Each structure stands twice: as C-alpha cells, then as structure tokens.
Amino acid sequence: MEPNISNTNQIKTANNSLNLMQIIGIIVGFFIVVISLSFLNEKQDFYFYPWYYEYLVYFLIFFLIILTYKPARSYLFQLISSIKFNKPKDYVFIILSWIFLMCYLAVLNIITQQLHMTPDPPKMIYNPSEMQLLIYGIGLVLLAPIWEEFLFRGILFSRLKNYIPICACFIISSLAFTCIHPISFGNSLYIFVFGLLVAYSYYKTNNMFVPISIHLLNNLFSLSIAMQ
C-alpha cells in the first residue's frame, strides 16, 4: 500500500510549525536579550560592543535564538526554502512599495511641519573609518532586513494568522516591530506604517524576498541620509 503523500506533507508541515506559546517565547526572549544588552552598552563606563557593531550583534542574537531552538530552526528553514526570485510581479510590488514609502515620508514631514513639531533628526555618522562604515553598512542594509523580516513577518505575522484575525496580525506585528526601534512621534509613525506595508507585501506575495527587499531599500536610503 502506497503512503498518502499529501497527508505526509501536511504532518511534516504541522510538526515544523510554531504554536502560539513558542512564538511568544521567541519574541519575548529576543526583546529581553536585546534590551538588556542595549541598556548595558549605553553605560558610559562599559561597552559590550562599539556602535558600528550594533546591527551585527542583533543579527547574531536572532540566529543564536533561532538555531538553538529546534522548532524555530525547522520553521526558519521552511521560510528560506519558500523564497523565490523569478516572479516579475514581486519586483513590481517592491518598486511600488518604495514609491509609496517615499510619498508617505514626504507627507509625514509636511504634517509635522504644519503642527510645528520638531522633526526627528536622522541618525548621523561622523567621520567613520572605512572599516567602521563597512561593518555598520553591512549590518544596517543587509543583515537588519533579513533578521527583522524573518522575525516579525516570517514568524510573528505568519504564525499569528492561525490564531487571531488578520487585521490584528497586521497591527500586533507592526507594533512589535516599532518597539524594537527608537520611540518618537515621527519615527514611530513612519516605522509603524512601514511595518504594515511590509507585512501586507508578505501577505500578498507569500515570498520573504519581497519584504526583505523593501526593507533593504529603506535602510539603504536611511544610511545615505545619515552619511550627509
């Protein structure tokens, strides 16, 4: 008697999926480690790592948590194996999303000016060495989009869909994503909407390549502003 291939694949997928408590544990554990390290590293007389290693450290923390926890590791491999690069519509989605973000940023700047609010100053980088800039740029532009999208969209958003309404998934994943960044009116409002956009991009395309690419373009733009 031949085995039922469809049922076998469903069982394998179910076994490799994360339940709600596992998702909460991963998110809470990551936040605790990152916030603790950031707090200690901001002390003037104590440094775990220099400023240009910040995003590299977060990347290593994420993959250390994921790779040492078998259910998360199995699910991550599923996400990676589902990435596709040969869908033209996905590239159109990326371009349109980037145009929307630039328009939204312009509107947000106008609103803050009309409300006589001081705009959030961009994070500036003053006279870094070539090696410092290289490490910081790799962390910000390449590594941050990868681990943030896998964590907040690939794990949190996609798994929450099995437990709560889709609208709540968009809001919760975007709020969690916002909280990992510096909190201020303009910055937080932009990041929250950005989180909604990349979550929607993943929801529509089911391809992690799309939100990662949008995120990469956004961080590349941020780096170019910081270098001015």
Protein backbone atom coordinates (compact mmCIF):
# COMPACT_ATOMS: atom_id res chain seq x y z
CA MET A 1 0.00 0.00 0.00
CA GLU A 2 1.45 3.36 -1.05
CA PRO A 3 1.66 6.10 1.59
CA ASN A 4 -0.55 9.14 1.29
CA ILE A 5 1.97 11.76 0.19
CA SER A 6 -0.40 14.67 0.78
CA ASN A 7 -1.11 13.65 4.37
CA THR A 8 2.58 13.00 5.00
CA ASN A 9 3.48 16.51 3.85
CA GLN A 10 0.74 18.01 6.00
CA ILE A 11 2.00 16.16 9.07
CA LYS A 12 5.58 17.27 8.37
CA THR A 13 4.46 20.89 7.99
CA ALA A 14 2.44 20.74 11.19
CA ASN A 15 5.37 19.30 13.12
CA ASN A 16 7.66 22.04 11.85
CA SER A 17 5.24 24.87 12.65
CA LEU A 18 5.35 27.07 15.74
CA ASN A 19 2.47 27.29 18.18
CA LEU A 20 1.34 30.46 19.93
CA MET A 21 3.34 29.94 23.14
CA GLN A 22 6.51 29.22 21.15
CA ILE A 23 6.02 32.43 19.15
CA ILE A 24 5.54 34.49 22.31
CA GLY A 25 8.59 32.86 23.89
CA ILE A 26 10.81 33.69 20.90
CA ILE A 27 9.65 37.32 20.71
CA VAL A 28 9.84 37.96 24.46
CA GLY A 29 13.21 36.22 24.74
CA PHE A 30 14.63 38.26 21.89
CA PHE A 31 13.35 41.55 23.33
CA ILE A 32 14.76 40.77 26.79
CA VAL A 33 18.22 39.96 25.45
CA VAL A 34 18.39 42.93 23.06
CA ILE A 35 17.04 45.49 25.53
CA SER A 36 19.35 44.24 28.28
CA LEU A 37 22.42 44.42 26.04
CA SER A 38 21.45 47.86 24.72
CA PHE A 39 20.92 49.17 28.27
CA LEU A 40 24.28 47.90 29.46
CA ASN A 41 26.04 49.09 26.33
CA GLU A 42 24.78 52.66 26.81
CA LYS A 43 26.59 52.99 30.13
CA GLN A 44 29.45 55.41 29.64
CA ASP A 45 31.95 53.26 31.52
CA PHE A 46 31.03 49.91 29.98
CA TYR A 47 30.72 48.66 26.40
CA PHE A 48 29.89 45.21 25.10
CA TYR A 49 30.46 46.35 21.52
CA PRO A 50 31.18 49.61 19.60
CA TRP A 51 28.34 51.48 17.87
CA TYR A 52 29.09 50.13 14.40
CA TYR A 53 28.58 46.52 15.56
CA GLU A 54 25.00 47.20 16.72
CA TYR A 55 23.10 45.56 13.85
CA LEU A 56 25.60 42.73 13.56
CA VAL A 57 25.05 41.92 17.25
CA TYR A 58 21.25 41.89 16.82
CA PHE A 59 21.62 39.61 13.80
CA LEU A 60 23.76 37.15 15.78
CA ILE A 61 21.33 37.20 18.74
CA PHE A 62 18.39 36.41 16.47
CA PHE A 63 20.07 33.49 14.75
CA LEU A 64 21.52 32.20 18.01
CA ILE A 65 18.00 32.01 19.46
CA ILE A 66 16.51 30.52 16.30
CA LEU A 67 19.24 27.99 15.55
CA THR A 68 19.42 26.68 19.13
CA TYR A 69 15.64 26.18 19.35
CA LYS A 70 14.65 23.25 17.14
CA PRO A 71 11.00 24.20 16.33
CA ALA A 72 12.09 27.71 15.32
CA ARG A 73 15.04 26.35 13.34
CA SER A 74 12.80 23.98 11.38
CA TYR A 75 10.32 26.73 10.64
CA LEU A 76 13.10 29.09 9.53
CA PHE A 77 14.32 26.51 7.03
CA GLN A 78 10.76 26.31 5.66
CA LEU A 79 10.71 30.08 5.16
CA ILE A 80 14.10 30.09 3.45
CA SER A 81 13.13 27.25 1.11
CA SER A 82 9.99 29.14 0.04
CA ILE A 83 11.90 32.23 -1.17
CA LYS A 84 11.54 32.85 -4.91
CA PHE A 85 13.45 35.25 -7.15
CA ASN A 86 11.80 34.62 -10.53
CA LYS A 87 8.37 36.26 -10.13
CA PRO A 88 8.18 39.57 -12.08
CA LYS A 89 5.10 40.72 -10.14
CA ASP A 90 7.12 40.67 -6.93
CA TYR A 91 9.62 43.14 -8.36
CA VAL A 92 6.77 45.43 -9.40
CA PHE A 93 5.39 45.19 -5.86
CA ILE A 94 8.79 46.16 -4.44
CA ILE A 95 9.08 49.23 -6.70
CA LEU A 96 5.53 50.42 -5.99
CA SER A 97 6.03 49.93 -2.26
CA TRP A 98 9.21 52.01 -2.35
CA ILE A 99 7.42 54.82 -4.21
CA PHE A 100 4.63 54.73 -1.62
CA LEU A 101 7.13 54.95 1.25
CA MET A 102 8.85 57.99 -0.26
CA CYS A 103 5.49 59.72 -0.78
CA TYR A 104 4.39 58.84 2.75
CA LEU A 105 7.64 60.17 4.20
CA ALA A 106 7.17 63.45 2.33
CA VAL A 107 3.58 63.78 3.60
CA LEU A 108 4.68 62.94 7.15
CA ASN A 109 7.32 65.66 7.03
CA ILE A 110 4.73 68.19 5.83
CA ILE A 111 2.34 67.22 8.64
CA THR A 112 5.00 67.57 11.33
CA GLN A 113 5.90 71.00 9.95
CA GLN A 114 2.25 72.12 9.89
CA LEU A 115 1.85 71.00 13.50
CA HIS A 116 5.03 72.91 14.38
CA MET A 117 6.64 69.74 15.62
CA THR A 118 10.38 69.34 15.55
CA PRO A 119 11.16 66.58 13.03
CA ASP A 120 13.18 63.66 14.28
CA PRO A 121 16.82 64.22 13.37
CA PRO A 122 18.32 61.39 11.32
CA LYS A 123 20.96 59.28 12.95
CA MET A 124 24.18 60.89 11.84
CA ILE A 125 27.54 59.20 11.32
CA TYR A 126 30.51 61.50 11.81
CA ASN A 127 33.87 60.70 10.23
CA PRO A 128 33.78 56.90 10.49
CA SER A 129 36.74 54.89 9.28
CA GLU A 130 36.28 52.78 6.17
CA MET A 131 36.13 49.60 8.25
CA GLN A 132 33.58 51.07 10.68
CA LEU A 133 31.39 52.24 7.80
CA LEU A 134 31.65 48.86 6.08
CA ILE A 135 30.63 46.92 9.21
CA TYR A 136 27.81 49.35 10.02
CA GLY A 137 26.56 49.39 6.42
CA ILE A 138 26.51 45.60 6.14
CA GLY A 139 24.62 45.36 9.42
CA LEU A 140 22.08 48.06 8.59
CA VAL A 141 21.47 47.44 4.90
CA LEU A 142 21.92 43.66 4.58
CA LEU A 143 21.62 41.93 7.95
CA ALA A 144 18.90 44.01 9.65
CA PRO A 145 16.33 43.49 6.85
CA ILE A 146 16.96 39.74 6.95
CA TRP A 147 16.54 39.07 10.68
CA GLU A 148 13.80 41.68 11.22
CA GLU A 149 11.67 40.35 8.37
CA PHE A 150 12.16 36.72 9.37
CA LEU A 151 11.26 37.55 12.99
CA PHE A 152 8.37 40.00 12.62
CA ARG A 153 6.83 38.91 9.32
CA GLY A 154 8.06 35.35 8.75
CA ILE A 155 7.49 34.13 12.31
CA LEU A 156 5.25 36.55 14.22
CA PHE A 157 2.87 37.72 11.49
CA SER A 158 2.56 34.49 9.52
CA ARG A 159 2.00 32.28 12.59
CA LEU A 160 -0.42 34.67 14.33
CA LYS A 161 -2.74 34.27 11.34
CA ASN A 162 -3.64 30.84 12.70
CA TYR A 163 -4.89 32.26 16.00
CA ILE A 164 -6.29 35.78 15.54
CA PRO A 165 -7.97 37.86 12.78
CA ILE A 166 -5.69 39.06 10.01
CA CYS A 167 -6.19 42.75 10.87
CA ALA A 168 -4.94 42.08 14.40
CA CYS A 169 -1.91 40.27 12.92
CA PHE A 170 -1.00 43.37 10.92
CA ILE A 171 -1.31 45.64 13.97
CA ILE A 172 0.46 43.40 16.50
CA SER A 173 3.41 42.55 14.24
CA SER A 174 3.83 46.22 13.27
CA LEU A 175 3.66 47.39 16.89
CA ALA A 176 6.28 44.83 17.93
CA PHE A 177 8.44 45.92 15.00
CA THR A 178 8.06 49.57 16.02
CA CYS A 179 9.05 48.86 19.62
CA ILE A 180 12.44 47.49 18.58
CA HIS A 181 13.30 50.93 17.14
CA PRO A 182 13.84 54.30 18.87
CA ILE A 183 10.50 55.69 20.06
CA SER A 184 9.41 59.18 18.97
CA PHE A 185 6.33 60.60 17.23
CA GLY A 186 7.62 60.96 13.69
CA ASN A 187 9.95 57.98 13.73
CA SER A 188 7.42 55.63 15.32
CA LEU A 189 4.60 56.67 12.99
CA TYR A 190 6.77 56.05 9.95
CA ILE A 191 8.06 52.70 11.22
CA PHE A 192 4.55 51.50 12.14
CA VAL A 193 3.20 52.23 8.66
CA PHE A 194 6.35 50.72 7.18
CA GLY A 195 5.66 47.58 9.24
CA LEU A 196 2.10 47.44 7.92
CA LEU A 197 3.35 47.77 4.35
CA VAL A 198 5.96 45.02 4.51
CA ALA A 199 3.52 42.74 6.36
CA TYR A 200 0.98 43.34 3.59
CA SER A 201 3.65 42.65 0.97
CA TYR A 202 4.38 39.29 2.57
CA TYR A 203 0.66 38.53 2.93
CA LYS A 204 0.03 39.18 -0.77
CA THR A 205 3.14 37.53 -2.23
CA ASN A 206 3.94 34.79 0.32
CA ASN A 207 7.58 35.41 -0.54
CA MET A 208 10.06 36.66 2.07
CA PHE A 209 12.18 38.12 -0.73
CA VAL A 210 9.66 40.95 -1.15
CA PRO A 211 9.57 42.42 2.40
CA ILE A 212 13.32 41.90 2.77
CA SER A 213 13.95 43.83 -0.46
CA ILE A 214 11.65 46.70 0.56
CA HIS A 215 13.36 46.82 3.94
CA LEU A 216 16.80 46.79 2.32
CA LEU A 217 15.93 49.77 0.11
CA ASN A 218 14.55 51.66 3.10
CA ASN A 219 17.69 51.09 5.18
CA LEU A 220 19.93 51.98 2.25
CA PHE A 221 18.09 55.29 1.99
CA SER A 222 18.47 55.84 5.76
CA LEU A 223 22.21 55.18 5.52
CA SER A 224 22.59 57.66 2.67
CA ILE A 225 20.82 60.33 4.78
CA ALA A 226 23.00 59.56 7.79
CA MET A 227 26.14 59.98 5.71
CA GLN A 228 25.25 63.50 4.54
